[in-house]
Protein backbone atom coordinates (compact mmCIF):
# COMPACT_ATOMS: atom_id res chain seq x y z
CA MET A 1 -120.16 110.60 150.79
CA TYR A 2 -120.62 108.13 147.95
CA GLU A 3 -118.57 105.29 146.51
CA LEU A 4 -118.42 103.98 142.99
CA LEU A 5 -120.87 101.07 143.08
CA ALA A 6 -121.29 100.05 139.45
CA GLU A 7 -119.92 100.68 135.98
CA VAL A 8 -121.86 100.53 132.73
CA VAL A 9 -119.55 98.82 130.26
CA ARG A 10 -120.29 98.88 126.52
CA ASN A 11 -117.87 96.97 124.29
CA ASP A 12 -115.21 97.13 127.03
CA PHE A 13 -115.67 100.91 127.35
CA VAL A 14 -116.86 102.34 130.67
CA GLU A 15 -119.74 104.47 129.44
CA SER A 16 -121.35 105.50 132.74
CA VAL A 17 -120.96 104.97 136.47
CA HIS A 18 -123.30 104.76 139.42
CA LEU A 19 -122.22 106.20 142.76
CA GLY A 20 -123.98 105.44 146.00
CA SER A 21 -123.92 103.90 149.44
CA VAL A 22 -124.71 100.44 150.85
CA ALA A 23 -125.35 99.25 154.40
CA GLY A 24 -125.41 95.55 155.25
CA MET A 25 -126.52 93.87 158.47
CA ALA A 26 -125.30 90.42 159.51
CA PRO A 27 -127.76 87.89 160.98
CA ASP A 28 -126.53 88.74 164.48
CA GLY A 29 -127.61 92.35 163.99
CA THR A 30 -124.18 93.90 163.55
CA LEU A 31 -123.35 96.36 160.80
CA ALA A 32 -120.98 94.16 158.79
CA TYR A 33 -120.81 95.79 155.36
CA THR A 34 -120.59 99.45 154.40
CA ARG A 35 -119.87 101.41 151.26
CA GLY A 36 -120.10 105.16 151.30
CA ASP A 37 -121.75 107.17 154.06
CA VAL A 38 -124.38 104.87 155.55
CA ALA A 39 -125.21 107.18 158.46
CA ALA A 40 -126.45 110.04 156.29
CA THR A 41 -130.20 110.51 156.05
CA ILE A 42 -131.87 109.46 152.81
CA LEU A 43 -135.48 109.47 151.68
CA PRO A 44 -136.25 105.73 151.53
CA ARG A 45 -139.33 106.18 149.35
CA SER A 46 -141.37 103.00 148.72
CA SER A 47 -138.84 100.72 150.38
CA VAL A 48 -140.60 101.51 153.67
CA LYS A 49 -144.03 100.32 152.54
CA PRO A 50 -143.77 97.08 154.55
CA PHE A 51 -143.37 99.15 157.71
CA GLN A 52 -146.28 101.37 156.74
CA ALA A 53 -148.33 98.20 156.31
CA MET A 54 -147.37 97.19 159.85
CA ALA A 55 -148.94 100.41 161.10
CA PHE A 56 -152.16 99.61 159.24
CA LEU A 57 -152.37 96.31 161.10
CA VAL A 58 -151.70 98.03 164.42
CA ALA A 59 -154.60 100.34 163.59
CA GLY A 60 -156.85 97.32 163.10
CA ALA A 61 -157.17 97.22 159.30
CA PRO A 62 -158.56 93.79 158.25
CA LEU A 63 -155.70 92.85 155.94
CA THR A 64 -154.37 89.35 155.29
CA GLY A 65 -152.79 87.41 152.44
CA GLU A 66 -152.87 89.11 149.06
CA ARG A 67 -154.54 92.21 150.50
CA LEU A 68 -151.76 92.69 153.02
CA ALA A 69 -149.15 92.13 150.31
CA ILE A 70 -150.74 94.76 148.04
CA ALA A 71 -150.76 97.17 151.02
CA ALA A 72 -146.93 96.90 151.04
CA ALA A 73 -146.63 97.02 147.27
CA SER A 74 -145.45 99.14 144.40
CA HIS A 75 -147.63 97.15 142.02
CA THR A 76 -147.53 97.26 138.24
CA GLY A 77 -151.28 97.62 137.70
CA GLN A 78 -152.11 94.11 136.54
CA ASP A 79 -155.74 92.95 136.79
CA PHE A 80 -155.21 90.96 139.99
CA HIS A 81 -153.60 94.00 141.62
CA ILE A 82 -156.57 96.22 140.82
CA LYS A 83 -159.03 93.58 142.06
CA ALA A 84 -157.20 93.41 145.40
CA VAL A 85 -157.31 97.20 145.75
CA GLU A 86 -161.00 97.21 144.90
CA ALA A 87 -161.70 94.49 147.48
CA ILE A 88 -159.96 96.42 150.27
CA LEU A 89 -161.92 99.57 149.47
CA GLY A 90 -165.18 97.65 149.08
CA ASP A 91 -164.92 96.12 152.56
CA ALA A 92 -164.42 99.65 153.90
CA GLY A 93 -167.50 100.89 152.07
CA LEU A 94 -165.43 103.02 149.72
CA GLY A 95 -164.64 103.21 146.02
CA PHE A 96 -161.72 104.22 143.84
CA ASP A 97 -162.82 107.85 144.14
CA ALA A 98 -161.69 107.87 147.78
CA LEU A 99 -158.06 107.32 146.77
CA GLN A 100 -155.84 110.41 146.96
CA CYS A 101 -152.83 109.03 145.09
CA PRO A 102 -152.23 110.64 141.67
CA PRO A 103 -153.90 109.24 138.55
CA SER A 104 -151.64 107.00 136.50
CA LEU A 105 -151.47 104.33 133.85
CA PRO A 106 -150.33 100.82 134.80
CA TRP A 107 -146.58 100.14 134.76
CA ASP A 108 -147.13 96.70 133.25
CA GLU A 109 -146.98 97.05 129.46
CA SER A 110 -149.78 94.57 128.75
CA ALA A 111 -152.03 96.14 131.37
CA MET A 112 -151.28 99.61 130.03
CA ALA A 113 -152.11 98.52 126.48
CA ALA A 114 -155.41 97.01 127.66
CA VAL A 115 -156.37 100.24 129.43
CA ILE A 116 -155.57 102.30 126.34
CA ARG A 117 -157.46 99.92 124.03
CA ALA A 118 -160.48 100.21 126.32
CA GLY A 119 -160.40 103.97 125.88
CA GLU A 120 -159.64 104.61 129.53
CA SER A 121 -157.38 107.36 130.80
CA ARG A 122 -155.12 107.67 133.81
CA SER A 123 -156.87 106.58 137.00
CA ARG A 124 -155.91 106.50 140.67
CA GLN A 125 -156.37 102.73 141.04
CA TYR A 126 -153.62 102.11 138.48
CA MET A 127 -151.06 104.14 140.43
CA ASN A 128 -148.45 101.80 141.94
CA CYS A 129 -149.23 103.00 145.48
CA SER A 130 -152.99 102.48 145.29
CA GLY A 131 -152.80 99.35 147.46
CA LYS A 132 -151.13 101.31 150.23
CA HIS A 133 -153.68 104.09 149.95
CA ALA A 134 -156.58 101.63 150.00
CA ALA A 135 -155.15 100.05 153.14
CA MET A 136 -154.77 103.49 154.74
CA LEU A 137 -158.44 104.17 154.04
CA ALA A 138 -159.40 100.77 155.47
CA ALA A 139 -157.53 101.58 158.68
CA CYS A 140 -159.32 104.93 158.89
CA ALA A 141 -162.73 103.33 158.31
CA VAL A 142 -162.33 100.75 161.06
CA ASN A 143 -161.34 103.45 163.57
CA GLY A 144 -163.80 106.13 162.50
CA TRP A 145 -160.94 108.43 161.55
CA PRO A 146 -161.52 111.05 158.85
CA VAL A 147 -160.84 109.69 155.37
CA ASP A 148 -160.54 113.02 153.59
CA SER A 149 -157.37 113.99 155.51
CA TYR A 150 -155.65 110.61 155.76
CA LEU A 151 -152.49 111.97 154.10
CA GLU A 152 -151.97 114.77 156.60
CA PRO A 153 -148.85 114.20 158.77
CA SER A 154 -150.89 115.01 161.88
CA HIS A 155 -153.47 112.30 161.08
CA PRO A 156 -153.55 109.51 163.70
CA LEU A 157 -152.68 106.92 161.05
CA GLN A 158 -149.57 108.79 159.90
CA GLN A 159 -148.45 109.10 163.49
CA LEU A 160 -148.68 105.30 163.77
CA VAL A 161 -146.63 104.98 160.58
CA ARG A 162 -143.93 107.19 162.03
CA ALA A 163 -143.90 105.18 165.27
CA SER A 164 -143.62 101.92 163.28
CA LEU A 165 -140.63 103.20 161.32
CA THR A 166 -138.90 104.51 164.42
CA GLU A 167 -139.36 101.22 166.25
CA MET A 168 -138.14 99.01 163.42
CA ALA A 169 -135.23 101.22 162.34
CA GLY A 170 -134.02 101.94 165.87
CA GLU A 171 -133.69 105.65 165.08
CA GLN A 172 -135.85 108.73 164.78
CA SER A 173 -137.50 109.00 161.37
CA GLU A 174 -136.60 112.49 160.20
CA PRO A 175 -137.03 114.72 158.26
CA LEU A 176 -140.58 114.92 156.93
CA ALA A 177 -141.11 115.08 153.17
CA VAL A 178 -143.93 114.27 150.73
CA ASP A 179 -143.65 111.08 148.69
CA GLY A 180 -144.56 110.87 145.02
CA CYS A 181 -147.96 109.42 145.90
CA GLY A 182 -148.71 112.30 148.27
CA ALA A 183 -148.19 110.39 151.53
CA PRO A 184 -145.88 111.66 154.28
CA LEU A 185 -142.35 110.38 153.87
CA PHE A 186 -139.93 110.10 156.77
CA GLY A 187 -136.17 110.05 156.35
CA LEU A 188 -133.91 107.26 157.59
CA SER A 189 -130.25 106.35 157.34
CA LEU A 190 -129.26 103.30 155.31
CA VAL A 191 -128.22 101.66 158.56
CA GLY A 192 -131.69 102.24 159.97
CA LEU A 193 -133.34 100.93 156.80
CA ALA A 194 -131.20 97.77 156.80
CA ARG A 195 -131.86 97.28 160.51
CA ALA A 196 -135.60 97.56 159.89
CA GLY A 197 -135.39 95.08 157.02
CA ARG A 198 -133.59 92.54 159.16
CA ALA A 199 -136.16 92.92 161.96
CA LEU A 200 -138.99 92.42 159.46
CA ALA A 201 -137.52 89.32 157.81
CA THR A 202 -136.73 87.60 161.11
CA ALA A 203 -139.88 88.52 163.05
CA GLY A 204 -141.55 85.58 164.75
CA GLU A 205 -144.86 87.17 165.68
CA GLY A 206 -146.95 90.32 165.57
CA PRO A 207 -147.55 92.76 162.70
CA ALA A 208 -143.98 92.44 161.39
CA TYR A 209 -144.36 88.68 161.04
CA ALA A 210 -147.73 89.05 159.33
CA VAL A 211 -146.40 91.54 156.79
CA ALA A 212 -143.26 89.49 156.09
CA GLU A 213 -145.31 86.33 155.61
CA ALA A 214 -147.70 88.07 153.20
CA ILE A 215 -144.81 89.42 151.13
CA GLN A 216 -142.97 86.10 151.08
CA GLU A 217 -146.08 84.13 150.08
CA HIS A 218 -147.37 86.62 147.50
CA PRO A 219 -144.35 88.28 145.85
CA GLU A 220 -146.29 88.89 142.64
CA TYR A 221 -148.54 91.31 144.56
CA VAL A 222 -145.59 93.31 145.92
CA ALA A 223 -144.40 94.28 142.43
CA GLY A 224 -145.68 92.28 139.47
CA THR A 225 -145.04 89.62 136.86
CA GLY A 226 -141.56 90.12 135.42
CA HIS A 227 -140.62 92.88 137.85
CA VAL A 228 -137.12 92.48 139.26
CA ASN A 229 -138.30 92.69 142.89
CA THR A 230 -140.75 89.84 142.33
CA ASP A 231 -138.19 87.85 140.33
CA LEU A 232 -135.67 88.20 143.16
CA MET A 233 -138.13 86.97 145.78
CA LEU A 234 -139.09 84.02 143.58
CA ALA A 235 -135.42 83.18 143.01
CA LEU A 236 -134.58 83.35 146.73
CA PRO A 237 -137.63 82.06 148.63
CA GLY A 238 -138.13 83.71 151.98
CA THR A 239 -136.32 86.87 150.89
CA ILE A 240 -138.02 90.26 151.04
CA ALA A 241 -137.15 92.75 148.29
CA LYS A 242 -138.70 96.20 148.20
CA GLY A 243 -137.49 98.92 145.90
CA GLY A 244 -138.09 102.62 146.17
CA ALA A 245 -137.87 105.51 143.75
CA GLU A 246 -134.58 107.33 143.17
CA GLY A 247 -132.36 104.27 143.37
CA VAL A 248 -133.34 102.81 146.77
CA LEU A 249 -133.58 99.08 147.43
CA LEU A 250 -134.05 97.02 150.59
CA VAL A 251 -133.36 93.27 150.52
CA ALA A 252 -133.52 91.00 153.57
CA THR A 253 -133.17 87.23 153.81
CA ALA A 254 -135.02 84.88 156.13
CA GLU A 255 -131.67 84.14 157.83
CA GLY A 256 -131.29 87.78 158.84
CA HIS A 257 -128.95 89.27 156.25
CA ALA A 258 -130.20 92.69 155.19
CA VAL A 259 -128.89 95.21 152.67
CA ALA A 260 -130.05 98.77 151.99
CA VAL A 261 -128.86 100.46 148.77
CA LYS A 262 -129.04 104.08 147.64
CA VAL A 263 -127.76 105.02 144.17
CA ALA A 264 -126.99 108.72 144.05
CA ASP A 265 -128.20 109.41 140.52
CA GLY A 266 -131.58 107.82 141.24
CA ASN A 267 -131.30 105.11 138.58
CA ALA A 268 -132.36 101.69 139.83
CA ARG A 269 -130.98 99.53 137.01
CA ALA A 270 -127.96 98.34 139.03
CA THR A 271 -129.47 98.21 142.52
CA THR A 272 -130.35 94.50 142.47
CA ALA A 273 -126.87 93.47 141.31
CA ILE A 274 -125.33 95.74 143.95
CA ALA A 275 -127.53 94.29 146.69
CA LEU A 276 -126.79 90.70 145.69
CA ALA A 277 -123.05 91.37 145.72
CA ALA A 278 -123.36 92.84 149.21
CA LEU A 279 -125.44 89.90 150.43
CA GLU A 280 -122.78 87.50 149.14
CA GLU A 281 -120.12 89.46 151.05
CA LEU A 282 -122.26 89.03 154.16
CA GLY A 283 -122.29 85.25 153.66
CA ALA A 284 -125.79 84.84 152.24
CA ASP A 285 -126.41 82.19 149.60
CA VAL A 286 -127.55 84.12 146.52
CA SER A 287 -126.75 81.40 143.98
CA GLY A 288 -130.43 81.04 143.12
CA ALA A 289 -130.47 84.60 141.80
CA ALA A 290 -127.39 84.28 139.59
CA ALA A 291 -129.35 85.50 136.56
CA LEU A 292 -130.09 88.80 138.33
CA ARG A 293 -126.45 89.56 139.13
CA THR A 294 -125.69 90.52 135.54
CA VAL A 295 -127.46 93.44 133.87
CA PRO A 296 -126.89 93.29 130.10
CA VAL A 297 -126.07 96.34 127.99
CA ILE A 298 -127.75 96.05 124.59
CA GLY A 299 -126.46 97.20 121.22
CA GLY A 300 -128.93 96.69 118.40
CA GLU A 301 -130.49 93.36 119.29
CA ARG A 302 -127.56 91.74 121.05
CA THR A 303 -125.67 92.01 124.30
CA VAL A 304 -122.53 94.12 123.93
CA GLY A 305 -121.67 94.71 127.57
CA GLU A 306 -122.93 94.65 131.13
CA ILE A 307 -123.36 96.65 134.28
CA ARG A 308 -120.60 95.54 136.65
CA VAL A 309 -120.64 95.95 140.39
CA SER A 310 -117.48 97.89 141.18
CA ARG A 311 -115.02 97.61 144.05
CA THR A 312 -112.96 100.74 143.29
CA PRO A 313 -111.90 103.57 145.66
CA VAL A 314 -114.32 105.99 147.26
CA LEU A 315 -115.63 108.92 145.25
CA ASN A 316 -116.97 112.15 146.69
CA ALA A 317 -118.17 114.95 144.42
CA GLY A 318 -115.50 114.07 141.87
CA ARG A 319 -112.66 113.70 144.42
CA LEU A 320 -111.09 110.37 145.27
CA ARG A 321 -110.69 109.62 148.93
CA SER A 322 -108.93 106.73 150.58
CA SER A 323 -110.11 103.28 149.59
CA PRO A 324 -111.30 100.68 152.11
CA TRP A 325 -107.90 98.95 151.59
CA SER A 326 -105.92 102.04 152.57
CA ARG A 327 -108.15 102.82 155.53
CA ARG A 328 -107.54 99.31 156.80
CA HIS A 329 -103.78 99.20 156.21
CA GLY A 330 -102.85 102.87 156.61
CA ARG A 331 -101.31 103.24 153.14
CA ARG A 332 -102.30 102.88 149.50
CA PRO A 333 -101.44 99.82 147.42
CA ALA A 334 -98.60 100.40 144.98
CA ASP A 335 -100.84 100.44 141.90
CA TRP A 336 -103.59 102.59 143.47
CA THR A 337 -102.88 105.60 141.27
CA ARG A 338 -102.94 103.53 138.10
CA ARG A 339 -106.23 101.92 139.07
CA ALA A 340 -107.81 105.21 140.08
CA TRP A 341 -106.53 107.31 137.17
CA PRO A 342 -105.59 104.84 134.40
CA TRP A 343 -104.98 107.64 131.87
CA ARG A 344 -102.31 109.36 134.03
CA ARG A 345 -98.65 108.47 134.39
CA ARG A 346 -96.68 109.28 137.48
CA GLY A 347 -95.10 112.74 137.13
CA SER A 348 -97.42 113.83 134.31
CA CYS A 349 -100.01 115.49 136.54
CA VAL A 350 -101.03 119.15 136.33
CA PRO A 351 -100.56 121.03 139.64
CA PHE A 352 -103.31 123.20 141.09
CA PRO A 353 -102.90 127.02 140.91
CA ARG A 354 -101.75 128.63 144.14
CA THR A 355 -104.50 129.77 146.48
CA ASP A 356 -102.33 131.81 148.88
CA GLY A 357 -101.92 134.84 146.62
CA GLY A 358 -98.40 133.88 145.48
CA SER A 359 -97.27 133.32 141.93
CA GLY A 360 -96.65 130.06 140.15
CA ARG A 361 -98.08 126.70 141.07
CA SER A 362 -98.73 125.09 144.44
CA GLY A 363 -97.05 121.87 143.44
CA ARG A 364 -100.09 119.77 144.49
CA CYS A 365 -101.25 117.30 141.89
CA ARG A 366 -104.77 116.77 140.71
CA CYS A 367 -104.35 113.11 141.60
CA PRO A 368 -102.67 111.39 144.56
CA CYS A 369 -99.63 110.20 142.59
CA ARG A 370 -97.34 111.95 145.01
């Protein structure tokens, strides 16, 4: 199901690995890059916030500019983020107490320190999804929909969200789960997520265009100062980058390249480097984001290694399957065993025990050296 996507290298020693899957769409809309199982359903988490924001516009929520960007955001709780959330709620005649996202402290370290110094505790407006929740409440207010049940899957607004996702992804959004902020969460494949990202980034009119424009013009509202999503959008103007919890990332360029990443262990530290490598394979110019392609590994106070995007054979629950090379050519390269199992020598493998009830060994190796 998953491939080896990245290796954490410390002093030339591979300390950890990240498995996952990647789907990449070319500007013409074809699926042109795959790693791992890209048809399997994942929970895309906050990477679908731009498509949720589209539904808010369809519902008539008065959102433009920074307010529309914060509606599609996983913000870090900086002062300008909180002011935008407050403004959205104020225009709807509501306050922070109407939010149903969990209480939190800001992600931004300076903002968190300021909150603590002020003697404040966790509050709903500081939660990274508060912009989305404020926009949901604004959409409810303008339509006269109930605001106390806006997170229920049967609520008219959530039905619009589901329709928006289905339309943009070109597939049914299933199954239904509950996101970390309490909102309904609909599953998609990585192909569907990449397809939706491409459609968003290349839209020429309508809600998709409005959301894309707001994100592109106000990237600091979509994440925050110093956040890798914001840094990526500043480095590649016109690009949309939206991360999600548990190792999900969607990146789409104005030219129509789109990449959706899912890291199996849920760690996001390598997702940007993985996405940029995939975009380069698709022909996108990512030279402006060269600084984001290397993730340093720190020892003491200096760099002693890096997280490298890997191009090794497929891994599935600890078993090696055929690599993209062998699937294409029908056989393995001569040094495949050495690259896959560098500590083994041909003929030194330990056979599996027999499983047919007989005695002795089956003669099958634990690696494909035969």
